[in-house]
Amino acid sequence: MSRSSIAGRAMTAAAVLLALTGCGNRLYPVRGTVTLEDGTPITKGMIICERFEGGPAVSAQGPIQPDGTYRLGTTKPGDGLPPGKYRVLINAMDLSDLPDDKKDIPFDSKYLNFQTSGLELEVKIGEVDYPIRLAKSSRRKGG
């Protein structure tokens, strides 16, 4: 084998390794709609995710729009997430000093916490549509 052939193969191998390494940094679009079980859209809040499997710790977020839609981003709004499995919570954006279970929000307060939400998202290669359906709050207004 000639030196140029060996050098060519080494460069090809290096390019393949760089390409594979770069795949871990790639972000994939994640979007969806947040609704109650009856289909009523949630009109405000924030989706927050944290990766628990598939790579180093990563968090992402995206505001819920008035029509219930959202797009997640890790470094800038809507830029997507790297592959992996994520826990998901919904921040109701209720800044009152009340405990979570006393806040007047349209959905069950269990969705305010990663440990109790039961929501998980898996990002693979490609765009992800992740609709979120939430149970209604069991709290009555004024009660």
N, C-alpha and C. Protein backbone atom coordinates (compact mmCIF):
# COMPACT_ATOMS: atom_id res chain seq x y z
N MET A 1 0.84 -1.17 0.00
CA MET A 1 0.00 0.00 0.00
C MET A 1 0.89 1.24 0.00
N SER A 2 0.55 2.20 -0.80
CA SER A 2 1.37 3.41 -0.89
C SER A 2 1.05 4.36 0.26
N ARG A 3 1.99 5.30 0.49
CA ARG A 3 1.79 6.28 1.55
C ARG A 3 0.55 7.12 1.31
N SER A 4 0.29 7.49 0.07
CA SER A 4 -0.88 8.32 -0.23
C SER A 4 -2.17 7.55 0.04
N SER A 5 -2.16 6.24 -0.20
CA SER A 5 -3.34 5.41 0.06
C SER A 5 -3.60 5.33 1.56
N ILE A 6 -2.53 5.14 2.35
CA ILE A 6 -2.67 5.07 3.80
C ILE A 6 -3.15 6.42 4.34
N ALA A 7 -2.57 7.50 3.85
CA ALA A 7 -2.97 8.84 4.29
C ALA A 7 -4.43 9.11 3.93
N GLY A 8 -4.84 8.66 2.75
CA GLY A 8 -6.24 8.85 2.32
C GLY A 8 -7.20 8.10 3.23
N ARG A 9 -6.85 6.86 3.58
CA ARG A 9 -7.70 6.08 4.47
C ARG A 9 -7.75 6.70 5.87
N ALA A 10 -6.63 7.19 6.34
CA ALA A 10 -6.58 7.82 7.66
C ALA A 10 -7.48 9.06 7.69
N MET A 11 -7.43 9.84 6.61
CA MET A 11 -8.27 11.04 6.54
C MET A 11 -9.75 10.66 6.47
N THR A 12 -10.07 9.61 5.73
CA THR A 12 -11.46 9.15 5.65
C THR A 12 -11.94 8.69 7.02
N ALA A 13 -11.11 7.93 7.74
CA ALA A 13 -11.46 7.45 9.07
C ALA A 13 -11.67 8.64 10.02
N ALA A 14 -10.79 9.64 9.93
CA ALA A 14 -10.92 10.82 10.78
C ALA A 14 -12.22 11.57 10.47
N ALA A 15 -12.58 11.67 9.21
CA ALA A 15 -13.81 12.35 8.82
C ALA A 15 -15.03 11.61 9.36
N VAL A 16 -15.01 10.28 9.29
CA VAL A 16 -16.12 9.48 9.81
C VAL A 16 -16.25 9.68 11.31
N LEU A 17 -15.13 9.67 12.03
CA LEU A 17 -15.17 9.87 13.48
C LEU A 17 -15.71 11.25 13.84
N LEU A 18 -15.29 12.26 13.11
CA LEU A 18 -15.80 13.62 13.35
C LEU A 18 -17.30 13.68 13.10
N ALA A 19 -17.75 13.04 12.04
CA ALA A 19 -19.18 13.04 11.72
C ALA A 19 -19.97 12.35 12.82
N LEU A 20 -19.46 11.22 13.32
CA LEU A 20 -20.16 10.50 14.37
C LEU A 20 -20.18 11.29 15.67
N THR A 21 -19.08 11.93 15.99
CA THR A 21 -19.00 12.75 17.19
C THR A 21 -19.97 13.92 17.10
N GLY A 22 -20.06 14.52 15.95
CA GLY A 22 -20.96 15.65 15.74
C GLY A 22 -22.41 15.30 15.90
N CYS A 23 -22.78 14.04 15.65
CA CYS A 23 -24.18 13.62 15.76
C CYS A 23 -24.72 13.82 17.17
N GLY A 24 -23.86 13.68 18.19
CA GLY A 24 -24.31 13.83 19.56
C GLY A 24 -24.68 15.25 19.90
N ASN A 25 -24.21 16.21 19.14
CA ASN A 25 -24.49 17.61 19.39
C ASN A 25 -25.66 18.13 18.56
N ARG A 26 -26.18 17.33 17.70
CA ARG A 26 -27.26 17.74 16.81
C ARG A 26 -28.55 17.91 17.59
N LEU A 27 -29.30 18.94 17.27
CA LEU A 27 -30.59 19.21 17.90
C LEU A 27 -31.71 18.89 16.92
N TYR A 28 -32.78 18.29 17.44
CA TYR A 28 -33.92 17.94 16.61
C TYR A 28 -35.15 18.69 17.10
N PRO A 29 -35.95 19.22 16.17
CA PRO A 29 -37.14 19.99 16.57
C PRO A 29 -38.12 19.14 17.37
N VAL A 30 -38.63 19.73 18.45
CA VAL A 30 -39.67 19.09 19.26
C VAL A 30 -40.77 20.12 19.43
N ARG A 31 -41.97 19.72 19.03
CA ARG A 31 -43.12 20.63 19.13
C ARG A 31 -44.36 19.82 19.44
N GLY A 32 -45.41 20.52 19.81
CA GLY A 32 -46.66 19.84 20.10
C GLY A 32 -47.71 20.82 20.58
N THR A 33 -48.78 20.27 21.12
CA THR A 33 -49.88 21.05 21.66
C THR A 33 -50.20 20.50 23.05
N VAL A 34 -50.48 21.41 23.97
CA VAL A 34 -50.83 21.03 25.33
C VAL A 34 -52.33 21.26 25.51
N THR A 35 -53.06 20.20 25.84
CA THR A 35 -54.50 20.30 26.04
C THR A 35 -54.91 19.56 27.30
N LEU A 36 -56.10 19.88 27.76
CA LEU A 36 -56.73 19.09 28.80
C LEU A 36 -57.32 17.85 28.14
N GLU A 37 -57.76 16.89 28.95
CA GLU A 37 -58.32 15.64 28.42
C GLU A 37 -59.49 15.87 27.47
N ASP A 38 -60.24 16.96 27.68
CA ASP A 38 -61.40 17.23 26.82
C ASP A 38 -61.04 17.98 25.54
N GLY A 39 -59.74 18.23 25.33
CA GLY A 39 -59.29 18.91 24.12
C GLY A 39 -59.11 20.41 24.25
N THR A 40 -59.49 20.98 25.39
CA THR A 40 -59.31 22.42 25.61
C THR A 40 -57.82 22.74 25.70
N PRO A 41 -57.33 23.70 24.88
CA PRO A 41 -55.90 24.01 24.94
C PRO A 41 -55.52 24.74 26.23
N ILE A 42 -54.33 24.45 26.72
CA ILE A 42 -53.73 25.22 27.81
C ILE A 42 -53.16 26.46 27.14
N THR A 43 -53.49 27.65 27.62
CA THR A 43 -53.17 28.88 26.90
C THR A 43 -51.94 29.63 27.41
N LYS A 44 -51.36 29.16 28.51
CA LYS A 44 -50.13 29.80 29.00
C LYS A 44 -49.36 28.81 29.85
N GLY A 45 -48.09 29.10 30.02
CA GLY A 45 -47.23 28.24 30.82
C GLY A 45 -45.93 27.97 30.09
N MET A 46 -45.18 27.02 30.62
CA MET A 46 -43.87 26.68 30.07
C MET A 46 -43.67 25.18 30.18
N ILE A 47 -43.21 24.56 29.09
CA ILE A 47 -42.82 23.16 29.11
C ILE A 47 -41.34 23.14 29.49
N ILE A 48 -40.97 22.31 30.45
CA ILE A 48 -39.58 22.20 30.88
C ILE A 48 -39.20 20.72 30.86
N CYS A 49 -38.04 20.41 30.26
CA CYS A 49 -37.57 19.03 30.14
C CYS A 49 -36.16 18.92 30.69
N GLU A 50 -35.84 17.73 31.23
CA GLU A 50 -34.47 17.43 31.63
C GLU A 50 -34.15 16.01 31.17
N ARG A 51 -32.97 15.87 30.54
CA ARG A 51 -32.57 14.55 30.05
C ARG A 51 -32.13 13.68 31.21
N PHE A 52 -32.65 12.44 31.25
CA PHE A 52 -32.26 11.50 32.29
C PHE A 52 -31.61 10.25 31.73
N GLU A 53 -31.59 10.10 30.41
CA GLU A 53 -30.97 8.94 29.78
C GLU A 53 -30.55 9.30 28.37
N GLY A 54 -29.38 8.80 27.95
CA GLY A 54 -28.95 9.00 26.58
C GLY A 54 -27.87 10.04 26.39
N GLY A 55 -27.28 10.52 27.48
CA GLY A 55 -26.22 11.50 27.36
C GLY A 55 -26.11 12.34 28.60
N PRO A 56 -25.22 13.35 28.55
CA PRO A 56 -25.04 14.22 29.71
C PRO A 56 -26.31 15.04 29.98
N ALA A 57 -26.38 15.59 31.18
CA ALA A 57 -27.54 16.39 31.58
C ALA A 57 -27.79 17.52 30.59
N VAL A 58 -29.02 17.64 30.16
CA VAL A 58 -29.46 18.71 29.26
C VAL A 58 -30.85 19.11 29.71
N SER A 59 -31.11 20.41 29.71
CA SER A 59 -32.47 20.86 29.98
C SER A 59 -32.93 21.71 28.80
N ALA A 60 -34.24 21.74 28.62
CA ALA A 60 -34.83 22.49 27.52
C ALA A 60 -36.15 23.08 28.00
N GLN A 61 -36.61 24.08 27.30
CA GLN A 61 -37.89 24.67 27.66
C GLN A 61 -38.53 25.31 26.44
N GLY A 62 -39.81 25.59 26.59
CA GLY A 62 -40.55 26.26 25.53
C GLY A 62 -41.84 26.82 26.08
N PRO A 63 -42.15 28.08 25.76
CA PRO A 63 -43.39 28.68 26.23
C PRO A 63 -44.61 28.09 25.52
N ILE A 64 -45.71 27.98 26.25
CA ILE A 64 -46.97 27.54 25.66
C ILE A 64 -47.64 28.79 25.08
N GLN A 65 -48.00 28.72 23.82
CA GLN A 65 -48.63 29.83 23.13
C GLN A 65 -50.14 29.86 23.44
N PRO A 66 -50.83 30.97 23.15
CA PRO A 66 -52.27 31.06 23.44
C PRO A 66 -53.13 29.98 22.78
N ASP A 67 -52.63 29.37 21.70
CA ASP A 67 -53.40 28.29 21.04
C ASP A 67 -53.01 26.91 21.57
N GLY A 68 -52.13 26.87 22.60
CA GLY A 68 -51.72 25.61 23.21
C GLY A 68 -50.47 24.98 22.60
N THR A 69 -49.93 25.55 21.53
CA THR A 69 -48.76 24.98 20.88
C THR A 69 -47.48 25.41 21.60
N TYR A 70 -46.42 24.61 21.39
CA TYR A 70 -45.10 24.94 21.94
C TYR A 70 -44.02 24.38 21.04
N ARG A 71 -42.81 24.94 21.18
CA ARG A 71 -41.59 24.46 20.53
C ARG A 71 -40.50 24.51 21.58
N LEU A 72 -39.74 23.41 21.72
CA LEU A 72 -38.71 23.35 22.75
C LEU A 72 -37.35 23.79 22.22
N GLY A 73 -36.56 24.38 23.10
CA GLY A 73 -35.21 24.79 22.76
C GLY A 73 -34.25 24.55 23.91
N THR A 74 -32.99 24.30 23.57
CA THR A 74 -31.96 24.09 24.60
C THR A 74 -31.06 25.30 24.75
N THR A 75 -30.57 25.86 23.65
CA THR A 75 -29.67 27.01 23.75
C THR A 75 -30.34 28.30 23.29
N LYS A 76 -31.37 28.19 22.45
CA LYS A 76 -32.15 29.35 22.04
C LYS A 76 -33.58 28.87 21.75
N PRO A 77 -34.55 29.78 21.78
CA PRO A 77 -35.94 29.36 21.62
C PRO A 77 -36.19 28.54 20.35
N GLY A 78 -36.80 27.37 20.55
CA GLY A 78 -37.21 26.54 19.43
C GLY A 78 -36.12 25.80 18.69
N ASP A 79 -34.86 25.80 19.19
CA ASP A 79 -33.79 25.15 18.43
C ASP A 79 -33.77 23.63 18.55
N GLY A 80 -34.57 23.05 19.45
CA GLY A 80 -34.67 21.59 19.54
C GLY A 80 -33.87 21.01 20.68
N LEU A 81 -33.81 19.67 20.69
CA LEU A 81 -33.14 18.92 21.74
C LEU A 81 -32.23 17.87 21.12
N PRO A 82 -31.14 17.51 21.84
CA PRO A 82 -30.33 16.38 21.37
C PRO A 82 -31.06 15.07 21.70
N PRO A 83 -30.70 13.98 21.03
CA PRO A 83 -31.36 12.69 21.31
C PRO A 83 -31.22 12.29 22.77
N GLY A 84 -32.21 11.58 23.27
CA GLY A 84 -32.21 11.07 24.63
C GLY A 84 -33.62 10.98 25.17
N LYS A 85 -33.72 10.55 26.43
CA LYS A 85 -35.01 10.47 27.12
C LYS A 85 -35.08 11.59 28.13
N TYR A 86 -36.24 12.24 28.20
CA TYR A 86 -36.44 13.42 29.02
C TYR A 86 -37.65 13.28 29.93
N ARG A 87 -37.52 13.81 31.15
CA ARG A 87 -38.67 14.00 32.03
C ARG A 87 -39.26 15.36 31.67
N VAL A 88 -40.57 15.48 31.81
CA VAL A 88 -41.25 16.71 31.41
C VAL A 88 -42.14 17.21 32.55
N LEU A 89 -42.14 18.52 32.75
CA LEU A 89 -43.09 19.14 33.66
C LEU A 89 -43.71 20.34 32.97
N ILE A 90 -44.83 20.79 33.51
CA ILE A 90 -45.50 21.98 33.00
C ILE A 90 -45.45 23.03 34.09
N ASN A 91 -44.84 24.18 33.80
CA ASN A 91 -44.82 25.29 34.74
C ASN A 91 -46.01 26.17 34.39
N ALA A 92 -46.92 26.33 35.33
CA ALA A 92 -48.15 27.09 35.07
C ALA A 92 -47.91 28.59 35.02
N MET A 93 -46.71 29.02 35.35
CA MET A 93 -46.35 30.44 35.39
C MET A 93 -47.20 31.21 36.40
N ASP A 94 -47.62 30.51 37.46
CA ASP A 94 -48.33 31.12 38.58
C ASP A 94 -47.27 31.48 39.59
N LEU A 95 -46.99 32.77 39.73
CA LEU A 95 -45.90 33.22 40.58
C LEU A 95 -46.34 33.53 42.01
N SER A 96 -47.56 33.12 42.37
CA SER A 96 -48.05 33.37 43.72
C SER A 96 -47.24 32.55 44.74
N ASP A 97 -47.35 32.92 45.99
CA ASP A 97 -46.64 32.23 47.07
C ASP A 97 -47.39 31.00 47.57
N LEU A 98 -48.52 30.67 46.96
CA LEU A 98 -49.29 29.51 47.39
C LEU A 98 -48.55 28.21 47.09
N PRO A 99 -48.74 27.18 47.91
CA PRO A 99 -48.16 25.86 47.58
C PRO A 99 -48.78 25.37 46.26
N ASP A 100 -48.03 24.55 45.53
CA ASP A 100 -48.49 24.07 44.22
C ASP A 100 -49.89 23.49 44.26
N ASP A 101 -50.21 22.70 45.29
CA ASP A 101 -51.52 22.05 45.32
C ASP A 101 -52.66 23.01 45.66
N LYS A 102 -52.35 24.27 45.96
CA LYS A 102 -53.38 25.29 46.27
C LYS A 102 -53.53 26.31 45.14
N LYS A 103 -52.67 26.26 44.14
CA LYS A 103 -52.74 27.22 43.03
C LYS A 103 -53.96 26.95 42.15
N ASP A 104 -54.52 28.03 41.64
CA ASP A 104 -55.70 27.93 40.78
C ASP A 104 -55.23 27.76 39.33
N ILE A 105 -54.96 26.53 38.95
CA ILE A 105 -54.51 26.22 37.59
C ILE A 105 -55.50 25.23 36.97
N PRO A 106 -55.61 25.22 35.65
CA PRO A 106 -56.62 24.37 35.01
C PRO A 106 -56.29 22.88 34.99
N PHE A 107 -55.04 22.51 35.30
CA PHE A 107 -54.65 21.10 35.25
C PHE A 107 -54.17 20.63 36.62
N ASP A 108 -54.11 19.32 36.79
CA ASP A 108 -53.70 18.70 38.04
C ASP A 108 -52.29 19.17 38.41
N SER A 109 -52.08 19.50 39.69
CA SER A 109 -50.79 20.03 40.15
C SER A 109 -49.66 19.01 40.05
N LYS A 110 -49.97 17.73 39.82
CA LYS A 110 -48.91 16.73 39.68
C LYS A 110 -47.98 17.04 38.51
N TYR A 111 -48.48 17.76 37.50
CA TYR A 111 -47.68 18.08 36.32
C TYR A 111 -46.64 19.18 36.57
N LEU A 112 -46.65 19.77 37.77
CA LEU A 112 -45.71 20.84 38.11
C LEU A 112 -44.36 20.32 38.56
N ASN A 113 -44.20 18.99 38.65
CA ASN A 113 -42.99 18.40 39.23
C ASN A 113 -42.52 17.22 38.36
N PHE A 114 -41.22 17.13 38.11
CA PHE A 114 -40.67 16.03 37.31
C PHE A 114 -41.00 14.67 37.93
N GLN A 115 -40.94 14.58 39.26
CA GLN A 115 -41.12 13.28 39.93
C GLN A 115 -42.57 12.79 39.89
N THR A 116 -43.53 13.69 39.72
CA THR A 116 -44.94 13.28 39.77
C THR A 116 -45.69 13.43 38.45
N SER A 117 -45.11 14.12 37.49
CA SER A 117 -45.86 14.42 36.25
C SER A 117 -46.21 13.17 35.45
N GLY A 118 -45.30 12.18 35.45
CA GLY A 118 -45.54 10.99 34.63
C GLY A 118 -45.30 11.24 33.15
N LEU A 119 -44.85 12.42 32.79
CA LEU A 119 -44.62 12.77 31.39
C LEU A 119 -43.16 12.50 31.01
N GLU A 120 -42.97 11.74 29.94
CA GLU A 120 -41.63 11.47 29.42
C GLU A 120 -41.65 11.62 27.92
N LEU A 121 -40.54 12.06 27.38
CA LEU A 121 -40.37 12.33 25.97
C LEU A 121 -39.09 11.66 25.50
N GLU A 122 -39.13 11.01 24.34
CA GLU A 122 -37.90 10.46 23.77
C GLU A 122 -37.62 11.14 22.44
N VAL A 123 -36.41 11.68 22.33
CA VAL A 123 -35.98 12.34 21.10
C VAL A 123 -35.03 11.40 20.38
N LYS A 124 -35.38 11.08 19.16
CA LYS A 124 -34.52 10.27 18.29
C LYS A 124 -34.14 11.17 17.11
N ILE A 125 -33.49 10.61 16.14
CA ILE A 125 -33.10 11.39 14.98
C ILE A 125 -34.36 11.78 14.20
N GLY A 126 -34.53 13.07 13.97
CA GLY A 126 -35.68 13.58 13.24
C GLY A 126 -36.58 14.44 14.12
N GLU A 127 -37.57 15.03 13.49
CA GLU A 127 -38.51 15.91 14.17
C GLU A 127 -39.44 15.09 15.08
N VAL A 128 -39.79 15.67 16.23
CA VAL A 128 -40.66 14.99 17.19
C VAL A 128 -41.92 15.83 17.40
N ASP A 129 -43.08 15.19 17.24
CA ASP A 129 -44.35 15.81 17.59
C ASP A 129 -44.77 15.16 18.89
N TYR A 130 -44.88 15.94 19.97
CA TYR A 130 -45.18 15.41 21.28
C TYR A 130 -46.40 16.13 21.86
N PRO A 131 -47.60 15.63 21.54
CA PRO A 131 -48.80 16.23 22.13
C PRO A 131 -48.90 15.85 23.60
N ILE A 132 -49.32 16.79 24.43
CA ILE A 132 -49.43 16.56 25.87
C ILE A 132 -50.88 16.76 26.28
N ARG A 133 -51.47 15.71 26.86
CA ARG A 133 -52.85 15.78 27.38
C ARG A 133 -52.78 15.70 28.89
N LEU A 134 -53.40 16.67 29.53
CA LEU A 134 -53.34 16.79 30.99
C LEU A 134 -54.70 16.54 31.63
N ALA A 135 -54.68 15.89 32.79
CA ALA A 135 -55.89 15.73 33.59
C ALA A 135 -56.27 17.10 34.16
N LYS A 136 -57.56 17.35 34.28
CA LYS A 136 -58.03 18.61 34.85
C LYS A 136 -57.70 18.67 36.33
N SER A 137 -57.65 19.89 36.83
CA SER A 137 -57.44 20.11 38.25
C SER A 137 -58.64 19.59 39.02
N SER A 138 -58.38 18.97 40.17
CA SER A 138 -59.48 18.49 41.00
C SER A 138 -59.94 19.60 41.95
N ARG A 139 -59.17 20.69 41.99
CA ARG A 139 -59.53 21.84 42.82
C ARG A 139 -60.60 22.67 42.15
N ARG A 140 -61.55 23.12 42.91
CA ARG A 140 -62.59 23.99 42.36
C ARG A 140 -62.21 25.43 42.66
N LYS A 141 -62.53 26.33 41.72
CA LYS A 141 -62.25 27.75 41.94
C LYS A 141 -62.99 28.22 43.18
N GLY A 142 -62.26 29.01 43.97
CA GLY A 142 -62.86 29.56 45.18
C GLY A 142 -62.97 28.54 46.30
N GLY A 143 -62.53 27.27 46.07
CA GLY A 143 -62.73 26.24 47.09
C GLY A 143 -61.48 25.88 47.71
